Amino acid sequence: MVRQHRDNRTAFLRVKCPDCENEQTIFERASTVVDCSVCGRILSEPRGGNATIKAEIVARLE
């Protein structure tokens, strides 16, 4: 039986917008700019591998 190594997999992140405190789920390796769905502030920008998160990370959803 082949075991999958889950350590190197990416995850979704629950983040809180620093302006309006709206919480939303984003992908850790987002390939596009992610804006807050309420106020429009940029929460994440792509940077090759992992995205640059510009918001408070509340939880890591695996």
Protein backbone atom coordinates (compact mmCIF):
# COMPACT_ATOMS: atom_id res chain seq x y z
CA MET A 1 0.00 0.00 0.00
CA VAL A 2 1.31 3.43 -0.92
CA ARG A 3 0.99 6.09 1.74
CA GLN A 4 0.42 9.66 0.75
CA HIS A 5 2.45 12.28 2.54
CA ARG A 6 0.07 15.03 3.53
CA ASP A 7 2.79 17.21 5.05
CA ASN A 8 3.71 18.90 1.79
CA ARG A 9 0.15 19.54 0.60
CA THR A 10 -1.32 23.00 0.56
CA ALA A 11 -4.31 24.10 2.55
CA PHE A 12 -7.06 26.65 2.68
CA LEU A 13 -6.74 29.50 5.16
CA ARG A 14 -9.45 31.29 7.09
CA VAL A 15 -8.37 34.97 7.17
CA LYS A 16 -9.76 38.15 8.69
CA CYS A 17 -9.69 41.43 6.78
CA PRO A 18 -7.77 44.10 8.74
CA ASP A 19 -10.19 46.85 7.61
CA CYS A 20 -13.71 45.45 8.00
CA GLU A 21 -12.93 42.25 9.99
CA ASN A 22 -14.81 40.10 7.47
CA GLU A 23 -13.64 36.47 7.58
CA GLN A 24 -13.28 34.48 4.38
CA THR A 25 -11.53 31.37 3.14
CA ILE A 26 -8.67 31.65 0.67
CA PHE A 27 -6.27 29.18 -0.93
CA GLU A 28 -2.72 29.17 0.44
CA ARG A 29 -1.24 29.11 -3.07
CA ALA A 30 -3.65 31.48 -4.78
CA SER A 31 -2.54 32.29 -8.34
CA THR A 32 -4.59 35.50 -8.57
CA VAL A 33 -5.08 38.51 -6.32
CA VAL A 34 -7.75 37.82 -3.67
CA ASP A 35 -9.83 40.80 -2.53
CA CYS A 36 -12.08 41.07 0.51
CA SER A 37 -15.63 40.34 -0.61
CA VAL A 38 -17.00 43.17 1.58
CA CYS A 39 -14.63 46.15 1.36
CA GLY A 40 -12.33 45.18 -1.55
CA ARG A 41 -8.99 45.30 0.31
CA ILE A 42 -6.31 42.97 -1.08
CA LEU A 43 -5.97 39.93 1.20
CA SER A 44 -3.55 37.85 -0.86
CA GLU A 45 -1.17 38.33 -3.80
CA PRO A 46 0.50 35.58 -5.85
CA ARG A 47 4.29 35.24 -5.44
CA GLY A 48 5.43 32.15 -7.32
CA GLY A 49 4.82 29.36 -4.78
CA ASN A 50 2.83 30.37 -1.74
CA ALA A 51 0.84 33.57 -1.93
CA THR A 52 1.69 36.60 0.20
CA ILE A 53 -1.07 36.83 2.81
CA LYS A 54 -1.86 40.41 3.83
CA ALA A 55 -4.50 39.58 6.42
CA GLU A 56 -4.65 37.93 9.82
CA ILE A 57 -4.75 34.14 9.54
CA VAL A 58 -7.48 32.86 11.84
CA ALA A 59 -7.30 29.13 11.05
CA ARG A 60 -5.62 26.64 8.73
CA LEU A 61 -8.15 24.28 7.13
CA GLU A 62 -6.56 21.00 6.04
